Amino acid sequence: MFRLTQYMHQLLDPTPVRRRASAGGVKPVVIWNLTRSCNLKCRHCYTVSADRPFPGELTHDQAMDVLRDLSDFRIPALILSGGEPMSRFDFWELAEEARRQDFRHLSLSTNGTRINAGNIDRLADLGFDYVGISLDGIGAVNDWFRGVEGAFEQALAGVRACKARGVKVGLRFTLTEGNGHNLPAMLDLCRDEGVDKFYLSHLVYAGRGDKHRGEDAEHDHTRRAMDLLIERAWAAVERGEGLEVVTGNNDADAVYFLNWATARFAPDAVAHLRAHLESWGGNSSGLGVGNIDPQGRVHPDTYWSDYTLGSVKERPFSEIWTGDDPMLATLRTRPRPLKGRCGACAHQAVCGGNTRIRALQLTGDPWAEDPACYLSAQEIGVADAARLAVTPFRGKSHDPAHRFH
């Protein structure tokens, strides 16, 4: 995750750069997909969830053992996700146990449609540090993406219920060709509803997201979306507003922002910003983030579902994560053994090679260039621009008139 607002503050109120921890000393943020069951049918769902039970998911006792192991392992944050995590039969018991285990940060990733007046008090009493609610557009656009009519209004009601009870809430928006025109309205919605965080997620080619990769935003449209996001985030920072803006699944965003700052700030301020970005290091799959899927299989992140490190049904997560898996070892290498544009990029220390799973899905090679990098050859410092020119996807939107405005 690229914390855009946080790094904007470094330009105005610089703080000391933290020394980057060695790979062996990093504990991961764990995203735990509690279940594949979900009441929506999202086009970009990386778990290919559906509104039915799925065999082989962790039993209650197995899930409770996982919570205790993660707590003993002292992970920095636990995110309960899905499917729709609130669809799991023992969600409330697991959430209550997670709070008792006193994780440093405990978050809920939900579609928001199951949060209502009947359960908001119980949800608020759990003390989640953050509740992230997914919306992929306004009104009918969201409902088309999420496959259920009325999903937008239900999710918005969930947002309002959280705000009314003082629960920190954010909106997550997956950018594609079909909904990019709704980005300005989504940011307006955050302002109007007092939303605490806005998370722009770039499409990852996994699950149904792989099937619909042709809807990924073309590079020029991605750039225009980032221009708008940076403009709005900077205006919020200058006005002292509380909205936090972050992006995910395209670490080239950090380089794009660094170039934005280079054109506007003094060299010493830009050097300080770069030092912070290099300390962060970009893509953290297999290092600063890990995943447990509904059946207990452990992956380098949520999108690496075809690569399994082990199962918590057989070994604790803590043992799996500290084992000697060769893919984990290579993901943790800096610099990674990147190829093509990514291998030639001058900003590897900032980006970390971007999202490896897109390269794997497209080429079969996890170290090939990320096809969703929208930076030009000149912007990434490649001398032979003609040989390594960016080649954007030209997928068709469900509505060719949809464009960023």
Protein backbone atom coordinates (compact mmCIF):
# COMPACT_ATOMS: atom_id res chain seq x y z
CA MET A 1 0.00 0.00 0.00
CA PHE A 2 1.30 3.44 -0.98
CA ARG A 3 0.29 6.02 1.65
CA LEU A 4 0.10 9.08 -0.59
CA THR A 5 -1.11 11.53 2.06
CA GLN A 6 1.55 10.39 4.53
CA TYR A 7 4.32 11.12 2.05
CA MET A 8 2.80 14.46 1.11
CA HIS A 9 3.24 15.49 4.74
CA GLN A 10 6.97 14.77 4.41
CA LEU A 11 7.18 17.66 1.96
CA LEU A 12 5.60 20.07 4.45
CA ASP A 13 6.69 18.72 7.83
CA PRO A 14 9.67 16.38 7.33
CA THR A 15 10.45 13.72 9.92
CA PRO A 16 13.53 11.49 10.29
CA VAL A 17 13.79 8.57 7.87
CA ARG A 18 13.35 5.22 9.55
CA ARG A 19 16.02 2.64 8.89
CA ARG A 20 14.60 -0.20 6.84
CA ALA A 21 14.47 -3.50 8.70
CA SER A 22 16.22 -6.53 7.28
CA ALA A 23 14.01 -9.16 5.64
CA GLY A 24 14.52 -11.55 8.54
CA GLY A 25 13.22 -8.98 11.02
CA VAL A 26 9.99 -8.06 9.20
CA LYS A 27 6.69 -9.41 10.49
CA PRO A 28 3.88 -9.26 7.93
CA VAL A 29 0.53 -7.58 7.93
CA VAL A 30 -1.74 -10.62 7.55
CA ILE A 31 -4.81 -10.44 5.33
CA TRP A 32 -7.00 -13.37 6.33
CA ASN A 33 -9.78 -14.34 3.95
CA LEU A 34 -12.15 -15.89 6.47
CA THR A 35 -14.54 -17.32 3.86
CA ARG A 36 -15.30 -17.38 0.14
CA SER A 37 -19.00 -16.93 0.83
CA CYS A 38 -20.28 -13.53 -0.26
CA ASN A 39 -23.64 -11.99 -1.06
CA LEU A 40 -22.19 -10.04 -4.03
CA LYS A 41 -20.74 -11.18 -7.38
CA CYS A 42 -17.99 -8.67 -8.11
CA ARG A 43 -16.40 -8.75 -11.56
CA HIS A 44 -12.89 -8.26 -10.16
CA CYS A 45 -13.15 -10.64 -7.17
CA TYR A 46 -9.76 -12.27 -6.64
CA THR A 47 -11.26 -15.10 -4.52
CA VAL A 48 -14.07 -15.93 -7.03
CA SER A 49 -16.57 -15.83 -4.18
CA ALA A 50 -20.28 -16.62 -4.39
CA ASP A 51 -23.37 -16.63 -2.19
CA ARG A 52 -23.08 -20.24 -1.03
CA PRO A 53 -21.05 -22.30 1.43
CA PHE A 54 -17.68 -23.68 0.31
CA PRO A 55 -16.23 -26.99 1.51
CA GLY A 56 -12.89 -27.26 3.26
CA GLU A 57 -12.89 -23.92 5.05
CA LEU A 58 -11.31 -23.75 8.49
CA THR A 59 -13.36 -25.04 11.38
CA HIS A 60 -14.03 -22.78 14.33
CA ASP A 61 -11.35 -24.47 16.44
CA GLN A 62 -8.79 -24.26 13.64
CA ALA A 63 -9.54 -20.57 13.16
CA MET A 64 -9.17 -19.87 16.86
CA ASP A 65 -5.77 -21.61 16.81
CA VAL A 66 -4.72 -19.36 13.93
CA LEU A 67 -5.64 -16.25 15.91
CA ARG A 68 -3.58 -17.34 18.89
CA ASP A 69 -0.58 -18.17 16.70
CA LEU A 70 -0.74 -14.82 14.89
CA SER A 71 -0.92 -13.04 18.22
CA ASP A 72 2.06 -14.95 19.62
CA PHE A 73 3.97 -14.20 16.38
CA ARG A 74 3.37 -10.48 17.06
CA ILE A 75 2.27 -9.50 13.58
CA PRO A 76 1.80 -5.72 13.24
CA ALA A 77 -1.73 -5.87 11.86
CA LEU A 78 -4.53 -8.32 11.08
CA ILE A 79 -7.12 -7.64 8.40
CA LEU A 80 -10.23 -9.82 8.42
CA SER A 81 -11.44 -10.15 4.83
CA GLY A 82 -13.37 -12.48 2.53
CA GLY A 83 -15.44 -13.16 0.41
CA GLU A 84 -17.59 -11.23 2.80
CA PRO A 85 -16.10 -11.89 6.25
CA MET A 86 -19.39 -11.11 7.99
CA SER A 87 -20.91 -14.06 6.09
CA ARG A 88 -18.80 -16.57 8.02
CA PHE A 89 -20.82 -18.54 10.56
CA ASP A 90 -18.60 -17.58 13.52
CA PHE A 91 -17.50 -14.11 12.43
CA TRP A 92 -18.48 -12.42 15.66
CA GLU A 93 -16.73 -15.00 17.82
CA LEU A 94 -13.54 -14.72 15.78
CA ALA A 95 -13.64 -10.93 15.83
CA GLU A 96 -14.15 -10.92 19.60
CA GLU A 97 -11.23 -13.33 20.08
CA ALA A 98 -9.05 -11.21 17.79
CA ARG A 99 -9.76 -8.18 19.98
CA ARG A 100 -8.97 -10.18 23.13
CA GLN A 101 -5.65 -11.18 21.58
CA ASP A 102 -4.85 -7.45 21.43
CA PHE A 103 -3.40 -7.17 17.93
CA ARG A 104 -1.69 -3.82 17.45
CA HIS A 105 -4.01 -3.05 14.54
CA LEU A 106 -7.22 -4.91 13.75
CA SER A 107 -9.16 -4.05 10.59
CA LEU A 108 -12.22 -5.30 8.76
CA SER A 109 -12.43 -5.45 4.96
CA THR A 110 -16.07 -5.75 3.92
CA ASN A 111 -18.50 -4.89 1.16
CA GLY A 112 -20.50 -2.97 3.77
CA THR A 113 -23.90 -4.34 2.83
CA ARG A 114 -24.21 -6.40 6.02
CA ILE A 115 -23.54 -3.49 8.37
CA ASN A 116 -26.87 -2.17 9.62
CA ALA A 117 -28.74 -0.78 12.61
CA GLY A 118 -29.10 -4.28 14.02
CA ASN A 119 -25.37 -4.93 14.39
CA ILE A 120 -23.53 -1.59 14.27
CA ASP A 121 -23.37 -1.33 18.07
CA ARG A 122 -21.77 -4.75 18.32
CA LEU A 123 -19.35 -3.89 15.53
CA ALA A 124 -18.42 -0.59 17.17
CA ASP A 125 -17.88 -2.28 20.54
CA LEU A 126 -15.27 -4.56 18.94
CA GLY A 127 -13.09 -1.51 18.46
CA PHE A 128 -11.82 -2.18 14.95
CA ASP A 129 -9.07 0.32 14.15
CA TYR A 130 -10.48 0.63 10.66
CA VAL A 131 -13.39 -0.66 8.58
CA GLY A 132 -12.78 -0.60 4.81
CA ILE A 133 -15.88 -0.71 2.63
CA SER A 134 -15.67 -1.42 -1.10
CA LEU A 135 -17.54 0.74 -3.60
CA ASP A 136 -16.69 0.64 -7.29
CA GLY A 137 -18.65 3.61 -8.47
CA ILE A 138 -21.79 5.58 -7.81
CA GLY A 139 -25.22 3.97 -7.91
CA ALA A 140 -25.80 1.73 -10.91
CA VAL A 141 -22.09 1.66 -11.84
CA ASN A 142 -21.24 0.06 -8.51
CA ASP A 143 -24.18 -2.32 -8.74
CA TRP A 144 -23.09 -3.46 -12.21
CA PHE A 145 -19.55 -4.13 -11.00
CA ARG A 146 -20.75 -5.88 -7.87
CA GLY A 147 -23.46 -7.89 -9.56
CA VAL A 148 -26.36 -7.03 -7.24
CA GLU A 149 -28.91 -4.26 -7.64
CA GLY A 150 -29.12 -2.06 -4.58
CA ALA A 151 -25.59 -2.88 -3.37
CA PHE A 152 -24.54 0.78 -3.51
CA GLU A 153 -27.31 2.00 -1.22
CA GLN A 154 -26.75 -0.87 1.21
CA ALA A 155 -22.99 -0.21 1.37
CA LEU A 156 -23.53 3.53 1.77
CA ALA A 157 -25.89 2.80 4.66
CA GLY A 158 -23.08 0.77 6.19
CA VAL A 159 -20.69 3.71 5.81
CA ARG A 160 -23.15 6.04 7.51
CA ALA A 161 -23.81 3.58 10.32
CA CYS A 162 -20.06 3.39 11.02
CA LYS A 163 -19.67 7.16 10.99
CA ALA A 164 -22.64 7.60 13.32
CA ARG A 165 -20.97 5.29 15.88
CA GLY A 166 -17.52 6.83 15.57
CA VAL A 167 -15.96 3.90 13.69
CA LYS A 168 -13.07 4.92 11.41
CA VAL A 169 -14.23 4.03 7.92
CA GLY A 170 -12.74 4.13 4.44
CA LEU A 171 -13.88 3.54 0.88
CA ARG A 172 -12.00 1.23 -1.50
CA PHE A 173 -12.37 1.77 -5.24
CA THR A 174 -10.88 -0.56 -7.87
CA LEU A 175 -9.95 1.46 -10.96
CA THR A 176 -10.91 0.03 -14.36
CA GLU A 177 -11.90 1.36 -17.76
CA GLY A 178 -15.56 0.88 -16.87
CA ASN A 179 -15.69 3.00 -13.73
CA GLY A 180 -12.86 5.53 -13.95
CA HIS A 181 -15.29 8.29 -14.86
CA ASN A 182 -16.76 7.91 -11.36
CA LEU A 183 -13.50 8.72 -9.56
CA PRO A 184 -14.27 12.44 -9.07
CA ALA A 185 -17.69 11.59 -7.67
CA MET A 186 -16.17 8.98 -5.36
CA LEU A 187 -13.83 11.60 -3.92
CA ASP A 188 -16.78 13.98 -3.55
CA LEU A 189 -18.64 11.22 -1.71
CA CYS A 190 -15.75 10.85 0.73
CA ARG A 191 -15.90 14.58 1.44
CA ASP A 192 -19.67 14.70 1.79
CA GLU A 193 -19.89 11.65 4.07
CA GLY A 194 -16.86 12.51 6.21
CA VAL A 195 -15.04 9.32 5.17
CA ASP A 196 -11.66 8.93 6.86
CA LYS A 197 -9.72 7.17 4.10
CA PHE A 198 -9.93 6.66 0.34
CA TYR A 199 -8.12 3.68 -1.16
CA LEU A 200 -7.62 3.56 -4.93
CA SER A 201 -6.85 -0.02 -5.91
CA HIS A 202 -5.43 -0.85 -9.32
CA LEU A 203 -6.77 -4.03 -10.92
CA VAL A 204 -4.82 -7.22 -10.22
CA TYR A 205 -5.06 -10.15 -12.63
CA ALA A 206 -6.26 -12.77 -10.17
CA GLY A 207 -9.55 -14.62 -9.78
CA ARG A 208 -12.28 -12.88 -11.77
CA GLY A 209 -9.89 -9.93 -12.01
CA ASP A 210 -7.73 -12.05 -14.33
CA LYS A 211 -10.72 -12.94 -16.48
CA HIS A 212 -11.58 -9.24 -16.82
CA ARG A 213 -8.04 -7.94 -17.27
CA GLY A 214 -9.14 -6.37 -20.56
CA GLU A 215 -11.02 -3.81 -18.46
CA ASP A 216 -7.83 -2.63 -16.75
CA ALA A 217 -7.39 1.13 -17.12
CA GLU A 218 -5.25 2.08 -20.09
CA HIS A 219 -2.03 3.78 -19.10
CA ASP A 220 -2.98 7.31 -20.12
CA HIS A 221 -6.23 7.02 -18.19
CA THR A 222 -4.38 5.68 -15.15
CA ARG A 223 -2.12 8.72 -15.29
CA ARG A 224 -5.09 11.05 -15.47
CA ALA A 225 -6.68 9.29 -12.52
CA MET A 226 -3.45 9.68 -10.54
CA ASP A 227 -3.26 13.36 -11.49
CA LEU A 228 -6.74 13.88 -10.09
CA LEU A 229 -6.01 11.85 -6.96
CA ILE A 230 -2.79 13.75 -6.24
CA GLU A 231 -4.53 17.08 -6.86
CA ARG A 232 -7.38 16.25 -4.46
CA ALA A 233 -5.07 14.73 -1.82
CA TRP A 234 -2.74 17.74 -1.91
CA ALA A 235 -5.64 20.16 -1.60
CA ALA A 236 -6.89 18.22 1.45
CA VAL A 237 -3.42 18.34 3.04
CA GLU A 238 -3.09 22.07 2.44
CA ARG A 239 -6.53 22.71 3.96
CA GLY A 240 -5.75 20.54 6.96
CA GLU A 241 -8.55 18.09 6.19
CA GLY A 242 -8.47 14.62 7.70
CA LEU A 243 -9.03 12.51 4.56
CA GLU A 244 -6.19 10.04 4.09
CA VAL A 245 -5.56 8.93 0.50
CA VAL A 246 -3.74 5.69 -0.27
CA THR A 247 -3.30 3.51 -3.33
CA GLY A 248 -2.64 -0.18 -3.77
CA ASN A 249 -1.47 -2.80 -6.25
CA ASN A 250 0.59 -0.50 -8.45
CA ASP A 251 3.76 0.67 -6.72
CA ALA A 252 4.64 2.81 -9.74
CA ASP A 253 2.31 5.30 -8.04
CA ALA A 254 5.17 6.18 -5.67
CA VAL A 255 7.49 6.98 -8.57
CA TYR A 256 4.76 9.02 -10.27
CA PHE A 257 4.31 11.03 -7.09
CA LEU A 258 8.07 11.46 -6.71
CA ASN A 259 8.17 12.93 -10.23
CA TRP A 260 5.28 15.22 -9.29
CA ALA A 261 7.22 16.46 -6.27
CA THR A 262 10.42 16.88 -8.31
CA ALA A 263 8.65 19.38 -10.57
CA ARG A 264 7.39 21.46 -7.63
CA PHE A 265 9.80 21.30 -4.69
CA ALA A 266 13.42 22.08 -3.94
CA PRO A 267 15.99 19.32 -4.47
CA ASP A 268 16.61 18.82 -0.74
CA ALA A 269 12.89 18.27 -0.11
CA VAL A 270 12.71 15.78 -2.98
CA ALA A 271 15.80 13.96 -1.71
CA HIS A 272 14.18 13.66 1.72
CA LEU A 273 10.99 12.30 0.14
CA ARG A 274 12.95 9.78 -1.92
CA ALA A 275 14.77 8.59 1.22
CA HIS A 276 11.41 7.92 2.90
CA LEU A 277 10.09 6.11 -0.18
CA GLU A 278 13.20 3.94 -0.41
CA SER A 279 12.87 3.09 3.27
CA TRP A 280 9.31 1.93 2.50
CA GLY A 281 10.59 0.00 -0.52
CA GLY A 282 7.48 -0.52 -2.62
CA ASN A 283 5.95 -3.92 -3.25
CA SER A 284 5.99 -6.06 -0.13
CA SER A 285 4.50 -9.38 -1.25
CA GLY A 286 6.02 -12.17 0.80
CA LEU A 287 7.78 -9.73 3.10
CA GLY A 288 5.59 -7.09 4.75
CA VAL A 289 2.30 -8.69 3.77
CA GLY A 290 1.03 -12.27 3.79
CA ASN A 291 -2.25 -14.05 3.25
CA ILE A 292 -4.26 -16.92 4.71
CA ASP A 293 -7.05 -18.12 2.45
CA PRO A 294 -10.39 -19.61 3.62
CA GLN A 295 -9.03 -23.16 3.51
CA GLY A 296 -6.00 -22.22 5.57
CA ARG A 297 -3.45 -22.09 2.76
CA VAL A 298 -0.77 -19.44 3.14
CA HIS A 299 0.28 -17.24 0.19
CA PRO A 300 2.79 -14.41 -0.38
CA ASP A 301 -0.19 -12.07 -0.66
CA THR A 302 -3.90 -12.25 -1.44
CA TYR A 303 -3.39 -12.44 -5.21
CA TRP A 304 -0.90 -15.34 -5.20
CA SER A 305 -3.63 -17.94 -4.78
CA ASP A 306 -1.92 -20.40 -7.14
CA TYR A 307 1.27 -20.44 -5.07
CA THR A 308 0.92 -22.03 -1.64
CA LEU A 309 3.59 -21.86 1.05
CA GLY A 310 1.86 -24.31 3.36
CA SER A 311 -1.36 -24.82 5.30
CA VAL A 312 -2.25 -23.70 8.80
CA LYS A 313 -4.15 -26.98 9.10
CA GLU A 314 -0.74 -28.68 9.16
CA ARG A 315 1.69 -26.07 10.54
CA PRO A 316 1.26 -22.72 12.29
CA PHE A 317 1.49 -19.61 10.14
CA SER A 318 4.52 -18.48 12.11
CA GLU A 319 6.45 -21.62 11.10
CA ILE A 320 5.38 -21.39 7.47
CA TRP A 321 6.36 -17.72 7.21
CA THR A 322 9.79 -18.25 8.72
CA GLY A 323 10.53 -21.37 6.64
CA ASP A 324 12.84 -21.74 3.67
CA ASP A 325 10.42 -21.47 0.75
CA PRO A 326 12.41 -20.45 -2.37
CA MET A 327 9.76 -18.06 -3.73
CA LEU A 328 9.53 -16.25 -0.42
CA ALA A 329 13.30 -15.94 -0.34
CA THR A 330 13.38 -14.40 -3.82
CA LEU A 331 10.46 -12.05 -3.15
CA ARG A 332 12.39 -10.78 -0.12
CA THR A 333 15.55 -10.17 -2.14
CA ARG A 334 16.47 -6.56 -2.84
CA PRO A 335 16.89 -5.86 -5.64
CA ARG A 336 14.67 -8.59 -7.02
CA PRO A 337 15.78 -10.46 -10.19
CA LEU A 338 13.58 -8.34 -12.43
CA LYS A 339 13.55 -8.38 -16.22
CA GLY A 340 12.52 -6.07 -19.06
CA ARG A 341 11.49 -2.53 -18.15
CA CYS A 342 11.32 -3.40 -14.45
CA GLY A 343 14.87 -4.78 -14.51
CA ALA A 344 16.16 -1.64 -16.22
CA CYS A 345 14.20 0.81 -14.05
CA ALA A 346 16.16 3.39 -12.08
CA HIS A 347 13.53 3.43 -9.34
CA GLN A 348 13.61 -0.19 -8.15
CA ALA A 349 14.48 0.95 -4.63
CA VAL A 350 11.22 2.94 -4.52
CA CYS A 351 8.88 0.60 -6.40
CA GLY A 352 10.29 -2.79 -5.46
CA GLY A 353 9.40 -4.19 -8.87
CA ASN A 354 5.67 -3.50 -8.60
CA THR A 355 3.05 -6.27 -8.60
CA ARG A 356 4.71 -9.54 -9.59
CA ILE A 357 1.49 -11.50 -9.97
CA ARG A 358 0.46 -9.45 -13.04
CA ALA A 359 3.72 -10.40 -14.74
CA LEU A 360 3.19 -14.03 -13.78
CA GLN A 361 -0.37 -14.14 -15.08
CA LEU A 362 0.56 -12.54 -18.40
CA THR A 363 3.90 -14.23 -19.16
CA GLY A 364 4.27 -17.19 -16.80
CA ASP A 365 7.38 -15.50 -15.38
CA PRO A 366 7.00 -13.71 -12.02
CA TRP A 367 10.12 -11.61 -12.72
CA ALA A 368 9.03 -10.21 -16.09
CA GLU A 369 8.04 -6.55 -16.31
CA ASP A 370 4.73 -5.52 -14.77
CA PRO A 371 2.39 -4.74 -17.72
CA ALA A 372 0.46 -2.22 -15.62
CA CYS A 373 3.42 0.12 -15.10
CA TYR A 374 2.21 3.32 -16.73
CA LEU A 375 5.49 5.26 -16.58
CA SER A 376 7.36 6.14 -19.76
CA ALA A 377 10.84 4.84 -20.52
CA GLN A 378 12.23 8.30 -19.81
CA GLU A 379 10.44 8.46 -16.45
CA ILE A 380 11.99 5.20 -15.30
CA GLY A 381 15.46 6.15 -16.53
CA VAL A 382 15.72 3.66 -19.37
CA ALA A 383 18.23 4.78 -22.00
CA ASP A 384 16.90 2.64 -24.87
CA ALA A 385 13.38 4.06 -24.83
CA ALA A 386 12.42 2.58 -28.19
CA ARG A 387 13.38 -0.96 -27.20
CA LEU A 388 11.60 -0.83 -23.86
CA ALA A 389 8.63 1.40 -24.69
CA VAL A 390 5.54 0.91 -22.58
CA THR A 391 2.84 -1.22 -24.19
CA PRO A 392 -0.54 -0.52 -22.61
CA PHE A 393 -3.46 -2.91 -22.62
CA ARG A 394 -6.24 -1.96 -25.02
CA GLY A 395 -9.17 -3.73 -23.44
CA LYS A 396 -12.78 -2.83 -24.17
CA SER A 397 -14.96 -1.30 -21.49
CA HIS A 398 -18.56 -2.39 -21.09
CA ASP A 399 -19.34 1.18 -22.15
CA PRO A 400 -16.78 2.71 -24.53
CA ALA A 401 -18.01 6.19 -23.67
CA HIS A 402 -16.69 5.84 -20.11
CA ARG A 403 -13.59 7.96 -19.61
CA PHE A 404 -12.03 10.04 -16.87
CA HIS A 405 -13.41 13.55 -16.54
